[in-house]
Amino acid sequence: MSAFNELKRQLKPGQIYRRADLARWSNTVDRHLRQLVKDGALQKVYQGVYAYPRTTSFGKAAPEDCKLVEAFLKTNDFLLFSPNTYNALGVGTTQLYNEQLVYNRKRHGKFKLGNRTFNFQMKPYFPKEVSKEFLLVDLVNNVNKLAEDQDVVLERISQVAASMDASALKKEVRRYGGVRARKLFASFDDKGVS
């Protein structure tokens, strides 16, 4: 079997591959990758990162965001979520954003992977999963970056905070709150809100 055919045989639908991962099955990996991209078998999503798309009844499916980010970062130590998630908190945010936030410990900046934009932000601490308490704290941390009326959003936060689990919220503020978030949630305590 030729090295090219061996490389094609190793590819699995829906998976993301780095060039280095594929080099073990090919003696001329760059030439083979160019051929696979030209044939449409692989999609180049970033320099050295390739997707082998799944075929559905609607055509080729885009790769999963978490798999893209994991291949790009070479780790699964990240938190991936959309700023659109803030809208579910009920604090008056309604904007829709066409990017994903990626809290991680390795990269910073906006990167286009495939046809999606990811905003990588280096953070020393972040949870494994998004909770509504974490989202509220994170919203306060980032309220100045959102296309919303900050004063309106900040006014409604006290009402939403009062309806949450107070101990869980305090824990998230201690772990992930910036200066603004710590001051704001402390002021709620002083007023007996949370």
N, C-alpha and C. Protein backbone atom coordinates (compact mmCIF):
# COMPACT_ATOMS: atom_id res chain seq x y z
N MET A 1 0.84 -1.18 0.00
CA MET A 1 0.00 0.00 0.00
C MET A 1 0.88 1.24 0.00
N SER A 2 0.54 2.24 -0.82
CA SER A 2 1.34 3.45 -0.90
C SER A 2 1.16 4.28 0.37
N ALA A 3 2.14 5.16 0.62
CA ALA A 3 2.08 6.02 1.81
C ALA A 3 0.85 6.93 1.74
N PHE A 4 0.51 7.40 0.54
CA PHE A 4 -0.66 8.27 0.37
C PHE A 4 -1.94 7.53 0.75
N ASN A 5 -2.09 6.31 0.27
CA ASN A 5 -3.28 5.52 0.61
C ASN A 5 -3.32 5.16 2.10
N GLU A 6 -2.17 4.90 2.68
CA GLU A 6 -2.11 4.62 4.11
C GLU A 6 -2.55 5.84 4.91
N LEU A 7 -2.11 7.02 4.47
CA LEU A 7 -2.51 8.25 5.14
C LEU A 7 -4.03 8.44 5.03
N LYS A 8 -4.59 8.26 3.84
CA LYS A 8 -6.04 8.40 3.65
C LYS A 8 -6.82 7.40 4.51
N ARG A 9 -6.29 6.21 4.64
CA ARG A 9 -6.96 5.16 5.41
C ARG A 9 -7.04 5.52 6.89
N GLN A 10 -6.09 6.29 7.37
CA GLN A 10 -6.04 6.66 8.79
C GLN A 10 -7.03 7.77 9.15
N LEU A 11 -7.50 8.49 8.16
CA LEU A 11 -8.38 9.63 8.41
C LEU A 11 -9.77 9.18 8.82
N LYS A 12 -10.32 9.83 9.85
CA LYS A 12 -11.64 9.49 10.37
C LYS A 12 -12.54 10.73 10.23
N PRO A 13 -13.76 10.54 9.73
CA PRO A 13 -14.68 11.68 9.57
C PRO A 13 -14.94 12.41 10.89
N GLY A 14 -14.98 13.73 10.81
CA GLY A 14 -15.26 14.56 11.98
C GLY A 14 -14.06 14.85 12.85
N GLN A 15 -12.87 14.37 12.45
CA GLN A 15 -11.68 14.56 13.27
C GLN A 15 -10.84 15.73 12.76
N ILE A 16 -10.05 16.27 13.67
CA ILE A 16 -9.12 17.35 13.36
C ILE A 16 -7.71 16.80 13.52
N TYR A 17 -6.83 17.15 12.58
CA TYR A 17 -5.46 16.63 12.62
C TYR A 17 -4.46 17.77 12.50
N ARG A 18 -3.38 17.61 13.22
CA ARG A 18 -2.23 18.51 13.05
C ARG A 18 -1.28 17.84 12.06
N ARG A 19 -0.51 18.63 11.39
CA ARG A 19 0.44 18.11 10.41
C ARG A 19 1.33 17.05 11.05
N ALA A 20 1.79 17.33 12.25
CA ALA A 20 2.69 16.41 12.95
C ALA A 20 2.03 15.06 13.20
N ASP A 21 0.71 15.06 13.45
CA ASP A 21 -0.02 13.81 13.68
C ASP A 21 0.00 12.93 12.42
N LEU A 22 -0.10 13.58 11.28
CA LEU A 22 -0.20 12.84 10.01
C LEU A 22 1.15 12.42 9.45
N ALA A 23 2.21 13.03 9.92
CA ALA A 23 3.55 12.74 9.39
C ALA A 23 3.98 11.29 9.63
N ARG A 24 3.44 10.65 10.64
CA ARG A 24 3.85 9.27 10.93
C ARG A 24 3.35 8.28 9.88
N TRP A 25 2.33 8.68 9.07
CA TRP A 25 1.80 7.77 8.05
C TRP A 25 2.24 8.16 6.64
N SER A 26 3.08 9.17 6.53
CA SER A 26 3.48 9.64 5.20
C SER A 26 4.95 9.99 5.17
N ASN A 27 5.61 9.61 4.08
CA ASN A 27 7.02 9.96 3.93
C ASN A 27 7.19 11.34 3.28
N THR A 28 6.13 11.84 2.66
CA THR A 28 6.12 13.20 2.08
C THR A 28 4.81 13.88 2.50
N VAL A 29 4.70 14.17 3.77
CA VAL A 29 3.44 14.63 4.34
C VAL A 29 2.94 15.93 3.70
N ASP A 30 3.82 16.87 3.42
CA ASP A 30 3.37 18.15 2.85
C ASP A 30 2.75 17.95 1.47
N ARG A 31 3.37 17.15 0.65
CA ARG A 31 2.83 16.87 -0.68
C ARG A 31 1.48 16.16 -0.57
N HIS A 32 1.40 15.19 0.32
CA HIS A 32 0.15 14.45 0.50
C HIS A 32 -0.96 15.35 1.06
N LEU A 33 -0.60 16.24 1.97
CA LEU A 33 -1.60 17.16 2.51
C LEU A 33 -2.12 18.10 1.43
N ARG A 34 -1.23 18.62 0.60
CA ARG A 34 -1.67 19.47 -0.52
C ARG A 34 -2.63 18.72 -1.42
N GLN A 35 -2.34 17.46 -1.70
CA GLN A 35 -3.19 16.65 -2.57
C GLN A 35 -4.56 16.39 -1.91
N LEU A 36 -4.56 16.08 -0.63
CA LEU A 36 -5.82 15.82 0.08
C LEU A 36 -6.69 17.08 0.15
N VAL A 37 -6.06 18.24 0.33
CA VAL A 37 -6.81 19.50 0.35
C VAL A 37 -7.35 19.79 -1.04
N LYS A 38 -6.52 19.58 -2.06
CA LYS A 38 -6.94 19.82 -3.45
C LYS A 38 -8.11 18.90 -3.83
N ASP A 39 -8.06 17.66 -3.37
CA ASP A 39 -9.13 16.69 -3.67
C ASP A 39 -10.40 16.95 -2.83
N GLY A 40 -10.30 17.80 -1.81
CA GLY A 40 -11.45 18.08 -0.95
C GLY A 40 -11.62 17.10 0.19
N ALA A 41 -10.67 16.18 0.34
CA ALA A 41 -10.76 15.22 1.44
C ALA A 41 -10.47 15.89 2.77
N LEU A 42 -9.52 16.80 2.80
CA LEU A 42 -9.19 17.56 4.00
C LEU A 42 -9.47 19.03 3.76
N GLN A 43 -9.78 19.74 4.85
CA GLN A 43 -9.92 21.18 4.80
C GLN A 43 -8.86 21.78 5.70
N LYS A 44 -8.12 22.74 5.17
CA LYS A 44 -7.13 23.43 5.99
C LYS A 44 -7.85 24.47 6.82
N VAL A 45 -7.78 24.34 8.15
CA VAL A 45 -8.49 25.27 9.03
C VAL A 45 -7.55 26.29 9.65
N TYR A 46 -6.28 25.99 9.69
CA TYR A 46 -5.25 26.91 10.19
C TYR A 46 -3.92 26.31 9.76
N GLN A 47 -2.89 27.11 9.84
CA GLN A 47 -1.56 26.62 9.46
C GLN A 47 -1.21 25.37 10.27
N GLY A 48 -1.08 24.24 9.57
CA GLY A 48 -0.72 22.98 10.22
C GLY A 48 -1.88 22.24 10.85
N VAL A 49 -3.12 22.75 10.69
CA VAL A 49 -4.30 22.12 11.28
C VAL A 49 -5.30 21.83 10.16
N TYR A 50 -5.77 20.57 10.11
CA TYR A 50 -6.66 20.12 9.03
C TYR A 50 -7.86 19.39 9.60
N ALA A 51 -9.00 19.56 8.93
CA ALA A 51 -10.23 18.88 9.32
C ALA A 51 -10.60 17.87 8.25
N TYR A 52 -11.04 16.70 8.70
CA TYR A 52 -11.60 15.70 7.81
C TYR A 52 -13.10 15.71 8.06
N PRO A 53 -13.85 16.44 7.22
CA PRO A 53 -15.28 16.66 7.51
C PRO A 53 -16.13 15.40 7.39
N ARG A 54 -17.16 15.36 8.24
CA ARG A 54 -18.18 14.33 8.13
C ARG A 54 -19.12 14.72 7.00
N THR A 55 -19.61 13.74 6.29
CA THR A 55 -20.59 14.00 5.25
C THR A 55 -21.97 13.67 5.79
N THR A 56 -22.87 14.64 5.67
CA THR A 56 -24.25 14.45 6.11
C THR A 56 -25.16 14.55 4.90
N SER A 57 -26.44 14.39 5.12
CA SER A 57 -27.39 14.50 4.01
C SER A 57 -27.47 15.93 3.48
N PHE A 58 -26.92 16.89 4.24
CA PHE A 58 -26.91 18.30 3.82
C PHE A 58 -25.56 18.71 3.25
N GLY A 59 -24.63 17.78 3.14
CA GLY A 59 -23.29 18.09 2.65
C GLY A 59 -22.25 17.88 3.74
N LYS A 60 -21.12 18.55 3.59
CA LYS A 60 -20.04 18.39 4.58
C LYS A 60 -20.34 19.22 5.82
N ALA A 61 -20.23 18.57 6.97
CA ALA A 61 -20.49 19.24 8.25
C ALA A 61 -19.22 19.92 8.74
N ALA A 62 -19.39 21.10 9.30
CA ALA A 62 -18.25 21.83 9.88
C ALA A 62 -17.73 21.06 11.09
N PRO A 63 -16.44 21.14 11.33
CA PRO A 63 -15.88 20.43 12.50
C PRO A 63 -16.40 21.04 13.80
N GLU A 64 -16.44 20.23 14.84
CA GLU A 64 -16.89 20.71 16.15
C GLU A 64 -15.90 21.73 16.68
N ASP A 65 -16.43 22.80 17.27
CA ASP A 65 -15.59 23.87 17.79
C ASP A 65 -14.58 23.37 18.82
N CYS A 66 -15.03 22.49 19.73
CA CYS A 66 -14.12 22.03 20.79
C CYS A 66 -12.96 21.22 20.20
N LYS A 67 -13.21 20.44 19.14
CA LYS A 67 -12.13 19.68 18.51
C LYS A 67 -11.15 20.61 17.79
N LEU A 68 -11.67 21.65 17.16
CA LEU A 68 -10.81 22.63 16.50
C LEU A 68 -9.88 23.30 17.51
N VAL A 69 -10.48 23.77 18.60
CA VAL A 69 -9.71 24.48 19.62
C VAL A 69 -8.69 23.54 20.26
N GLU A 70 -9.09 22.32 20.54
CA GLU A 70 -8.17 21.36 21.15
C GLU A 70 -6.96 21.09 20.25
N ALA A 71 -7.19 20.94 18.95
CA ALA A 71 -6.08 20.71 18.02
C ALA A 71 -5.20 21.95 17.91
N PHE A 72 -5.82 23.12 17.90
CA PHE A 72 -5.07 24.36 17.80
C PHE A 72 -4.18 24.59 19.02
N LEU A 73 -4.75 24.36 20.21
CA LEU A 73 -4.00 24.59 21.45
C LEU A 73 -3.11 23.42 21.84
N LYS A 74 -3.35 22.24 21.28
CA LYS A 74 -2.66 21.00 21.64
C LYS A 74 -2.92 20.63 23.10
N THR A 75 -4.12 20.95 23.58
CA THR A 75 -4.51 20.61 24.94
C THR A 75 -6.04 20.69 25.04
N ASN A 76 -6.58 20.03 26.05
CA ASN A 76 -8.02 20.16 26.30
C ASN A 76 -8.27 21.03 27.53
N ASP A 77 -7.25 21.77 27.96
CA ASP A 77 -7.35 22.65 29.11
C ASP A 77 -7.81 24.04 28.65
N PHE A 78 -9.11 24.18 28.42
CA PHE A 78 -9.69 25.45 28.00
C PHE A 78 -11.17 25.46 28.32
N LEU A 79 -11.76 26.64 28.30
CA LEU A 79 -13.20 26.81 28.46
C LEU A 79 -13.70 27.53 27.22
N LEU A 80 -14.62 26.91 26.52
CA LEU A 80 -15.15 27.44 25.26
C LEU A 80 -16.62 27.78 25.45
N PHE A 81 -16.99 29.04 25.17
CA PHE A 81 -18.40 29.42 25.23
C PHE A 81 -18.62 30.67 24.39
N SER A 82 -19.88 30.96 24.13
CA SER A 82 -20.23 32.11 23.32
C SER A 82 -20.69 33.26 24.21
N PRO A 83 -20.32 34.50 23.88
CA PRO A 83 -20.85 35.64 24.63
C PRO A 83 -22.38 35.72 24.53
N ASN A 84 -22.96 35.05 23.54
CA ASN A 84 -24.43 35.01 23.41
C ASN A 84 -25.07 34.34 24.62
N THR A 85 -24.30 33.53 25.35
CA THR A 85 -24.81 32.83 26.53
C THR A 85 -25.21 33.82 27.62
N TYR A 86 -24.58 35.00 27.63
CA TYR A 86 -24.95 36.02 28.61
C TYR A 86 -26.43 36.39 28.50
N ASN A 87 -26.98 36.29 27.28
CA ASN A 87 -28.37 36.70 27.04
C ASN A 87 -29.37 35.88 27.85
N ALA A 88 -29.01 34.66 28.22
CA ALA A 88 -29.92 33.80 28.98
C ALA A 88 -30.00 34.18 30.47
N LEU A 89 -29.14 35.09 30.92
CA LEU A 89 -29.14 35.45 32.34
C LEU A 89 -30.30 36.37 32.71
N GLY A 90 -30.87 37.07 31.74
CA GLY A 90 -31.98 37.97 32.03
C GLY A 90 -31.57 39.32 32.57
N VAL A 91 -30.39 39.78 32.17
CA VAL A 91 -29.92 41.10 32.63
C VAL A 91 -30.04 42.17 31.55
N GLY A 92 -30.72 41.86 30.48
CA GLY A 92 -30.93 42.86 29.44
C GLY A 92 -29.98 42.80 28.27
N THR A 93 -29.10 41.81 28.24
CA THR A 93 -28.22 41.67 27.07
C THR A 93 -29.00 40.97 25.97
N THR A 94 -28.87 41.50 24.76
CA THR A 94 -29.60 40.94 23.63
C THR A 94 -28.75 40.81 22.38
N GLN A 95 -27.55 41.36 22.41
CA GLN A 95 -26.70 41.33 21.22
C GLN A 95 -26.29 39.90 20.87
N LEU A 96 -26.09 39.66 19.59
CA LEU A 96 -25.57 38.37 19.13
C LEU A 96 -24.16 38.58 18.61
N TYR A 97 -23.27 37.69 19.00
CA TYR A 97 -21.86 37.81 18.64
C TYR A 97 -21.47 36.63 17.75
N ASN A 98 -20.64 36.91 16.78
CA ASN A 98 -20.23 35.89 15.82
C ASN A 98 -18.82 35.38 16.13
N GLU A 99 -18.59 35.09 17.39
CA GLU A 99 -17.30 34.53 17.79
C GLU A 99 -17.50 33.73 19.06
N GLN A 100 -16.54 32.89 19.32
CA GLN A 100 -16.53 32.07 20.53
C GLN A 100 -15.40 32.58 21.43
N LEU A 101 -15.63 32.60 22.72
CA LEU A 101 -14.58 32.92 23.68
C LEU A 101 -13.88 31.63 24.09
N VAL A 102 -12.57 31.69 24.18
CA VAL A 102 -11.79 30.53 24.61
C VAL A 102 -10.85 30.98 25.72
N TYR A 103 -11.20 30.65 26.96
CA TYR A 103 -10.31 30.93 28.08
C TYR A 103 -9.32 29.78 28.14
N ASN A 104 -8.04 30.14 28.17
CA ASN A 104 -6.99 29.13 28.13
C ASN A 104 -5.72 29.69 28.76
N ARG A 105 -4.69 28.87 28.81
CA ARG A 105 -3.42 29.27 29.43
C ARG A 105 -2.28 29.40 28.42
N LYS A 106 -2.59 29.32 27.11
CA LYS A 106 -1.52 29.28 26.11
C LYS A 106 -1.53 30.40 25.06
N ARG A 107 -2.71 30.78 24.58
CA ARG A 107 -2.80 31.71 23.45
C ARG A 107 -3.67 32.90 23.79
N HIS A 108 -3.38 34.03 23.14
CA HIS A 108 -4.19 35.23 23.30
C HIS A 108 -4.37 35.90 21.95
N GLY A 109 -5.59 36.30 21.65
CA GLY A 109 -5.87 37.00 20.41
C GLY A 109 -7.00 36.33 19.65
N LYS A 110 -7.40 36.99 18.57
CA LYS A 110 -8.46 36.44 17.73
C LYS A 110 -7.84 35.64 16.60
N PHE A 111 -8.34 34.42 16.44
CA PHE A 111 -7.84 33.53 15.39
C PHE A 111 -9.02 32.99 14.61
N LYS A 112 -8.84 32.92 13.31
CA LYS A 112 -9.85 32.33 12.46
C LYS A 112 -9.45 30.89 12.19
N LEU A 113 -10.27 29.96 12.66
CA LEU A 113 -10.04 28.54 12.44
C LEU A 113 -11.15 28.06 11.52
N GLY A 114 -10.78 27.71 10.30
CA GLY A 114 -11.79 27.39 9.30
C GLY A 114 -12.53 28.66 8.96
N ASN A 115 -13.84 28.64 9.11
CA ASN A 115 -14.61 29.85 8.83
C ASN A 115 -15.20 30.46 10.10
N ARG A 116 -14.65 30.10 11.27
CA ARG A 116 -15.12 30.59 12.55
C ARG A 116 -14.05 31.43 13.23
N THR A 117 -14.49 32.47 13.94
CA THR A 117 -13.56 33.31 14.69
C THR A 117 -13.63 32.93 16.16
N PHE A 118 -12.45 32.75 16.74
CA PHE A 118 -12.33 32.41 18.16
C PHE A 118 -11.50 33.49 18.84
N ASN A 119 -12.00 33.97 19.96
CA ASN A 119 -11.30 34.98 20.74
C ASN A 119 -10.62 34.28 21.91
N PHE A 120 -9.32 34.02 21.76
CA PHE A 120 -8.55 33.32 22.79
C PHE A 120 -8.10 34.33 23.83
N GLN A 121 -8.41 34.05 25.09
CA GLN A 121 -8.02 34.92 26.18
C GLN A 121 -7.28 34.10 27.22
N MET A 122 -6.06 34.53 27.51
CA MET A 122 -5.27 33.83 28.53
C MET A 122 -5.79 34.22 29.91
N LYS A 123 -6.12 33.20 30.68
CA LYS A 123 -6.62 33.39 32.04
C LYS A 123 -5.91 32.39 32.94
N PRO A 124 -5.50 32.82 34.13
CA PRO A 124 -4.86 31.86 35.03
C PRO A 124 -5.86 30.84 35.59
N TYR A 125 -7.12 31.28 35.74
CA TYR A 125 -8.14 30.40 36.32
C TYR A 125 -9.43 30.49 35.53
N PHE A 126 -10.05 29.36 35.32
CA PHE A 126 -11.38 29.30 34.70
C PHE A 126 -11.96 27.93 35.04
N PRO A 127 -13.29 27.84 35.08
CA PRO A 127 -13.90 26.54 35.42
C PRO A 127 -13.85 25.57 34.25
N LYS A 128 -14.14 24.32 34.52
CA LYS A 128 -14.21 23.32 33.45
C LYS A 128 -15.49 23.47 32.65
N GLU A 129 -16.56 23.93 33.32
CA GLU A 129 -17.86 24.11 32.66
C GLU A 129 -18.45 25.45 33.06
N VAL A 130 -19.32 25.96 32.21
CA VAL A 130 -19.99 27.24 32.46
C VAL A 130 -21.20 27.01 33.36
N SER A 131 -21.28 27.80 34.43
CA SER A 131 -22.48 27.80 35.29
C SER A 131 -23.09 29.19 35.19
N LYS A 132 -24.34 29.35 35.61
CA LYS A 132 -24.97 30.67 35.52
C LYS A 132 -24.28 31.65 36.48
N GLU A 133 -23.76 31.15 37.61
CA GLU A 133 -23.04 32.03 38.54
C GLU A 133 -21.73 32.51 37.90
N PHE A 134 -21.01 31.60 37.27
CA PHE A 134 -19.78 32.00 36.59
C PHE A 134 -20.10 33.01 35.49
N LEU A 135 -21.15 32.75 34.71
CA LEU A 135 -21.52 33.66 33.62
C LEU A 135 -21.82 35.06 34.13
N LEU A 136 -22.51 35.16 35.26
CA LEU A 136 -22.83 36.48 35.80
C LEU A 136 -21.55 37.22 36.20
N VAL A 137 -20.64 36.52 36.86
CA VAL A 137 -19.36 37.12 37.25
C VAL A 137 -18.56 37.51 36.00
N ASP A 138 -18.52 36.63 35.03
CA ASP A 138 -17.78 36.90 33.80
C ASP A 138 -18.39 38.07 33.02
N LEU A 139 -19.71 38.17 33.04
CA LEU A 139 -20.39 39.28 32.39
C LEU A 139 -19.94 40.60 33.00
N VAL A 140 -19.88 40.66 34.32
CA VAL A 140 -19.42 41.89 34.98
C VAL A 140 -17.96 42.16 34.62
N ASN A 141 -17.14 41.12 34.59
CA ASN A 141 -15.73 41.30 34.21
C ASN A 141 -15.60 41.91 32.81
N ASN A 142 -16.53 41.56 31.92
CA ASN A 142 -16.41 41.94 30.50
C ASN A 142 -17.46 42.93 30.02
N VAL A 143 -18.21 43.53 30.92
CA VAL A 143 -19.33 44.39 30.52
C VAL A 143 -18.88 45.54 29.62
N ASN A 144 -17.66 46.04 29.83
CA ASN A 144 -17.17 47.15 29.01
C ASN A 144 -16.81 46.71 27.58
N LYS A 145 -16.74 45.41 27.32
CA LYS A 145 -16.42 44.91 25.99
C LYS A 145 -17.67 44.57 25.18
N LEU A 146 -18.83 44.64 25.82
CA LEU A 146 -20.07 44.24 25.17
C LEU A 146 -20.75 45.44 24.52
N ALA A 147 -21.52 45.17 23.49
CA ALA A 147 -22.25 46.22 22.77
C ALA A 147 -23.61 46.43 23.43
N GLU A 148 -23.60 46.71 24.70
CA GLU A 148 -24.82 46.87 25.49
C GLU A 148 -24.71 48.16 26.30
N ASP A 149 -25.83 48.65 26.81
CA ASP A 149 -25.83 49.79 27.72
C ASP A 149 -25.35 49.27 29.08
N GLN A 150 -24.12 49.60 29.44
CA GLN A 150 -23.51 49.06 30.66
C GLN A 150 -24.32 49.38 31.91
N ASP A 151 -24.82 50.62 32.00
CA ASP A 151 -25.56 51.02 33.20
C ASP A 151 -26.81 50.17 33.39
N VAL A 152 -27.54 49.93 32.31
CA VAL A 152 -28.77 49.13 32.38
C VAL A 152 -28.43 47.71 32.81
N VAL A 153 -27.40 47.14 32.19
CA VAL A 153 -27.00 45.76 32.52
C VAL A 153 -26.57 45.66 33.98
N LEU A 154 -25.73 46.59 34.43
CA LEU A 154 -25.23 46.55 35.81
C LEU A 154 -26.37 46.73 36.83
N GLU A 155 -27.38 47.55 36.50
CA GLU A 155 -28.53 47.72 37.40
C GLU A 155 -29.29 46.41 37.57
N ARG A 156 -29.45 45.66 36.49
CA ARG A 156 -30.24 44.43 36.54
C ARG A 156 -29.48 43.27 37.18
N ILE A 157 -28.19 43.38 37.26
CA ILE A 157 -27.38 42.29 37.81
C ILE A 157 -27.74 42.01 39.27
N SER A 158 -28.03 43.06 40.05
CA SER A 158 -28.35 42.83 41.46
C SER A 158 -29.61 41.99 41.60
N GLN A 159 -30.61 42.22 40.73
CA GLN A 159 -31.85 41.44 40.79
C GLN A 159 -31.58 39.97 40.45
N VAL A 160 -30.78 39.75 39.42
CA VAL A 160 -30.46 38.38 39.00
C VAL A 160 -29.63 37.69 40.08
N ALA A 161 -28.67 38.42 40.65
CA ALA A 161 -27.81 37.85 41.70
C ALA A 161 -28.65 37.42 42.90
N ALA A 162 -29.68 38.18 43.23
CA ALA A 162 -30.53 37.85 44.38
C ALA A 162 -31.29 36.54 44.18
N SER A 163 -31.50 36.15 42.91
CA SER A 163 -32.24 34.91 42.64
C SER A 163 -31.34 33.68 42.54
N MET A 164 -30.03 33.88 42.65
CA MET A 164 -29.08 32.77 42.52
C MET A 164 -28.69 32.21 43.89
N ASP A 165 -28.04 31.07 43.85
CA ASP A 165 -27.48 30.45 45.05
C ASP A 165 -26.36 31.36 45.56
N ALA A 166 -26.58 31.99 46.71
CA ALA A 166 -25.64 33.00 47.23
C ALA A 166 -24.25 32.42 47.47
N SER A 167 -24.17 31.22 48.05
CA SER A 167 -22.83 30.67 48.34
C SER A 167 -22.10 30.30 47.06
N ALA A 168 -22.81 29.76 46.06
CA ALA A 168 -22.18 29.43 44.77
C ALA A 168 -21.70 30.70 44.07
N LEU A 169 -22.51 31.75 44.15
CA LEU A 169 -22.12 33.02 43.52
C LEU A 169 -20.90 33.61 44.20
N LYS A 170 -20.87 33.60 45.53
CA LYS A 170 -19.71 34.13 46.25
C LYS A 170 -18.44 33.35 45.90
N LYS A 171 -18.58 32.04 45.77
CA LYS A 171 -17.43 31.21 45.41
C LYS A 171 -16.90 31.61 44.02
N GLU A 172 -17.80 31.81 43.07
CA GLU A 172 -17.38 32.19 41.71
C GLU A 172 -16.75 33.58 41.70
N VAL A 173 -17.28 34.49 42.50
CA VAL A 173 -16.70 35.84 42.60
C VAL A 173 -15.28 35.75 43.14
N ARG A 174 -15.08 34.95 44.19
CA ARG A 174 -13.73 34.79 44.77
C ARG A 174 -12.76 34.18 43.75
N ARG A 175 -13.23 33.17 43.02
CA ARG A 175 -12.35 32.46 42.09
C ARG A 175 -12.05 33.26 40.82
N TYR A 176 -13.09 33.88 40.24
CA TYR A 176 -12.95 34.41 38.88
C TYR A 176 -13.26 35.90 38.74
N GLY A 177 -13.69 36.54 39.82
CA GLY A 177 -14.06 37.95 39.72
C GLY A 177 -12.86 38.87 39.64
N GLY A 178 -12.94 39.83 38.71
CA GLY A 178 -11.95 40.89 38.63
C GLY A 178 -12.28 41.96 39.66
N VAL A 179 -11.54 43.06 39.63
CA VAL A 179 -11.74 44.14 40.61
C VAL A 179 -13.17 44.66 40.55
N ARG A 180 -13.67 44.94 39.33
CA ARG A 180 -15.03 45.47 39.18
C ARG A 180 -16.06 44.49 39.74
N ALA A 181 -15.92 43.23 39.41
CA ALA A 181 -16.89 42.23 39.86
C ALA A 181 -16.85 42.10 41.38
N ARG A 182 -15.67 42.07 41.96
CA ARG A 182 -15.56 41.93 43.42
C ARG A 182 -16.22 43.11 44.13
N LYS A 183 -15.97 44.33 43.61
CA LYS A 183 -16.58 45.52 44.22
C LYS A 183 -18.09 45.51 44.06
N LEU A 184 -18.56 45.18 42.88
CA LEU A 184 -20.00 45.19 42.63
C LEU A 184 -20.72 44.17 43.51
N PHE A 185 -20.23 42.95 43.55
CA PHE A 185 -20.91 41.92 44.35
C PHE A 185 -20.75 42.19 45.85
N ALA A 186 -19.64 42.81 46.27
CA ALA A 186 -19.49 43.20 47.68
C ALA A 186 -20.51 44.26 48.04
N SER A 187 -20.80 45.17 47.10
CA SER A 187 -21.81 46.21 47.37
C SER A 187 -23.20 45.59 47.55
N PHE A 188 -23.47 44.50 46.86
CA PHE A 188 -24.75 43.80 47.04
C PHE A 188 -24.82 43.22 48.45
N ASP A 189 -23.70 42.67 48.92
CA ASP A 189 -23.68 42.12 50.28
C ASP A 189 -23.97 43.22 51.31
N ASP A 190 -23.35 44.41 51.07
CA ASP A 190 -23.55 45.52 52.00
C ASP A 190 -25.01 45.95 52.04
N LYS A 191 -25.71 45.79 50.88
CA LYS A 191 -27.11 46.18 50.82
C LYS A 191 -28.05 45.02 51.19
N GLY A 192 -27.44 43.86 51.45
CA GLY A 192 -28.25 42.68 51.79
C GLY A 192 -28.95 42.06 50.59
N VAL A 193 -28.37 42.27 49.39
CA VAL A 193 -29.00 41.74 48.18
C VAL A 193 -28.74 40.26 48.03
N SER A 194 -27.50 39.82 48.24
CA SER A 194 -27.20 38.38 48.01
C SER A 194 -26.97 37.65 49.31
